[in-house]
Structure formats: C-alpha cells, structure tokens
Amino acid sequence: MEAEKVIAYTCHGCGSRGLNPSKTKKGNYLCPECGNLVEVSEKRVVPKKKDK
C-alpha cells in the first residue's frame, strides 16, 4: 500500500495555512499565496485509499 506524505504549513508573511507548499531548490518551502518562507507545522503520512 502506497502512503502519501502531507505537509501542513503556516506562513509568517500572510498568515495563510495549507497543505503541500511548493519547495525551492534549497529544500525550503514557499507560500503559494505570497511567496514567503513558511514554517512546516507537521508532516504526516496518509495511506492511500484503495478503490474496490
């Protein structure tokens, strides 16, 4: 069973929260709203549901 990694973040610049921010080449995460660096609040692995 494949697991999908979900990254939750909070942006310091605009205060938006969301999942799976875009990653820079240096390995930092950027806010899709304003482009500031975001703080990753949690990383969790979500198992993919199988279709029956």
N, C-alpha and C. Protein backbone atom coordinates (compact mmCIF):
# COMPACT_ATOMS: atom_id res chain seq x y z
N MET A 1 0.84 -1.19 0.00
CA MET A 1 0.00 0.00 0.00
C MET A 1 0.88 1.24 0.00
N GLU A 2 0.59 2.14 -0.91
CA GLU A 2 1.37 3.38 -1.00
C GLU A 2 0.86 4.39 0.01
N ALA A 3 1.80 5.13 0.59
CA ALA A 3 1.43 6.19 1.51
C ALA A 3 1.81 7.52 0.90
N GLU A 4 1.00 8.52 1.15
CA GLU A 4 1.25 9.84 0.60
C GLU A 4 1.64 10.76 1.74
N LYS A 5 2.72 11.53 1.52
CA LYS A 5 3.17 12.44 2.57
C LYS A 5 2.44 13.78 2.42
N VAL A 6 1.90 14.25 3.53
CA VAL A 6 1.20 15.53 3.54
C VAL A 6 1.95 16.47 4.46
N ILE A 7 2.25 17.67 3.96
CA ILE A 7 2.97 18.65 4.75
C ILE A 7 2.04 19.82 5.04
N ALA A 8 1.81 20.06 6.31
CA ALA A 8 0.97 21.20 6.70
C ALA A 8 1.90 22.36 7.04
N TYR A 9 1.52 23.57 6.62
CA TYR A 9 2.38 24.72 6.86
C TYR A 9 1.58 25.92 7.33
N THR A 10 2.32 26.87 7.93
CA THR A 10 1.76 28.17 8.29
C THR A 10 2.72 29.23 7.78
N CYS A 11 2.20 30.22 7.07
CA CYS A 11 3.04 31.28 6.51
C CYS A 11 3.17 32.43 7.50
N HIS A 12 4.41 32.88 7.71
CA HIS A 12 4.63 34.01 8.61
C HIS A 12 4.25 35.33 7.95
N GLY A 13 4.39 35.38 6.63
CA GLY A 13 4.14 36.63 5.92
C GLY A 13 2.67 37.01 5.87
N CYS A 14 1.84 36.10 5.34
CA CYS A 14 0.43 36.46 5.15
C CYS A 14 -0.49 35.69 6.09
N GLY A 15 0.07 34.73 6.84
CA GLY A 15 -0.73 34.02 7.83
C GLY A 15 -1.58 32.90 7.26
N SER A 16 -1.40 32.59 5.98
CA SER A 16 -2.23 31.53 5.40
C SER A 16 -1.72 30.16 5.84
N ARG A 17 -2.63 29.22 5.86
CA ARG A 17 -2.29 27.85 6.22
C ARG A 17 -2.75 26.95 5.09
N GLY A 18 -2.07 25.83 4.95
CA GLY A 18 -2.49 24.93 3.87
C GLY A 18 -1.68 23.65 3.90
N LEU A 19 -1.76 22.91 2.81
CA LEU A 19 -1.06 21.64 2.68
C LEU A 19 -0.16 21.67 1.46
N ASN A 20 0.94 20.92 1.58
CA ASN A 20 1.86 20.71 0.46
C ASN A 20 2.31 22.00 -0.23
N PRO A 21 3.08 22.84 0.47
CA PRO A 21 3.60 24.04 -0.17
C PRO A 21 4.64 23.69 -1.21
N SER A 22 4.93 24.61 -2.13
CA SER A 22 5.94 24.35 -3.14
C SER A 22 7.32 24.42 -2.51
N LYS A 23 8.26 23.64 -3.06
CA LYS A 23 9.59 23.52 -2.48
C LYS A 23 10.61 24.21 -3.37
N THR A 24 11.56 24.92 -2.74
CA THR A 24 12.62 25.55 -3.50
C THR A 24 13.75 24.55 -3.74
N LYS A 25 14.71 24.96 -4.54
CA LYS A 25 15.85 24.08 -4.82
C LYS A 25 16.68 23.84 -3.57
N LYS A 26 16.65 24.79 -2.63
CA LYS A 26 17.42 24.64 -1.39
C LYS A 26 16.71 23.75 -0.37
N GLY A 27 15.48 23.37 -0.67
CA GLY A 27 14.75 22.50 0.25
C GLY A 27 13.85 23.26 1.20
N ASN A 28 13.72 24.58 0.99
CA ASN A 28 12.79 25.35 1.80
C ASN A 28 11.41 25.32 1.17
N TYR A 29 10.41 25.61 1.97
CA TYR A 29 9.05 25.65 1.45
C TYR A 29 8.58 27.08 1.31
N LEU A 30 7.86 27.36 0.22
CA LEU A 30 7.37 28.71 -0.03
C LEU A 30 5.86 28.74 -0.02
N CYS A 31 5.32 29.85 0.46
CA CYS A 31 3.87 30.04 0.49
C CYS A 31 3.35 30.28 -0.92
N PRO A 32 2.33 29.53 -1.35
CA PRO A 32 1.77 29.76 -2.67
C PRO A 32 1.03 31.09 -2.79
N GLU A 33 0.62 31.66 -1.65
CA GLU A 33 -0.12 32.92 -1.66
C GLU A 33 0.80 34.12 -1.87
N CYS A 34 1.86 34.22 -1.04
CA CYS A 34 2.67 35.43 -1.09
C CYS A 34 4.14 35.18 -1.42
N GLY A 35 4.58 33.92 -1.41
CA GLY A 35 5.96 33.61 -1.79
C GLY A 35 6.96 33.69 -0.65
N ASN A 36 6.49 33.97 0.57
CA ASN A 36 7.39 33.97 1.72
C ASN A 36 7.73 32.55 2.14
N LEU A 37 8.78 32.41 2.93
CA LEU A 37 9.09 31.12 3.52
C LEU A 37 8.02 30.76 4.53
N VAL A 38 7.67 29.50 4.60
CA VAL A 38 6.66 29.06 5.55
C VAL A 38 7.29 28.16 6.60
N GLU A 39 6.61 28.07 7.72
CA GLU A 39 7.02 27.15 8.78
C GLU A 39 6.20 25.89 8.62
N VAL A 40 6.90 24.76 8.54
CA VAL A 40 6.20 23.49 8.41
C VAL A 40 5.74 23.08 9.81
N SER A 41 4.43 22.94 9.96
CA SER A 41 3.91 22.63 11.28
C SER A 41 3.82 21.13 11.53
N GLU A 42 3.58 20.36 10.49
CA GLU A 42 3.59 18.91 10.69
C GLU A 42 3.74 18.19 9.36
N LYS A 43 4.39 17.04 9.45
CA LYS A 43 4.48 16.17 8.28
C LYS A 43 3.83 14.87 8.70
N ARG A 44 2.90 14.41 7.90
CA ARG A 44 2.28 13.14 8.24
C ARG A 44 2.10 12.31 6.97
N VAL A 45 2.02 11.04 7.18
CA VAL A 45 1.85 10.13 6.05
C VAL A 45 0.42 9.64 6.05
N VAL A 46 -0.25 9.85 4.93
CA VAL A 46 -1.64 9.44 4.80
C VAL A 46 -1.70 8.24 3.87
N PRO A 47 -2.19 7.12 4.36
CA PRO A 47 -2.31 5.95 3.46
C PRO A 47 -3.33 6.21 2.38
N LYS A 48 -2.99 5.82 1.16
CA LYS A 48 -3.92 6.00 0.05
C LYS A 48 -5.03 4.97 0.16
N LYS A 49 -6.24 5.42 -0.14
CA LYS A 49 -7.39 4.50 -0.09
C LYS A 49 -7.42 3.70 -1.38
N LYS A 50 -7.68 2.42 -1.22
CA LYS A 50 -7.77 1.58 -2.41
C LYS A 50 -9.21 1.56 -2.91
N ASP A 51 -9.36 1.65 -4.21
CA ASP A 51 -10.69 1.57 -4.80
C ASP A 51 -11.13 0.11 -4.87
N LYS A 52 -12.36 -0.12 -4.49
CA LYS A 52 -12.86 -1.51 -4.51
C LYS A 52 -13.71 -1.75 -5.73
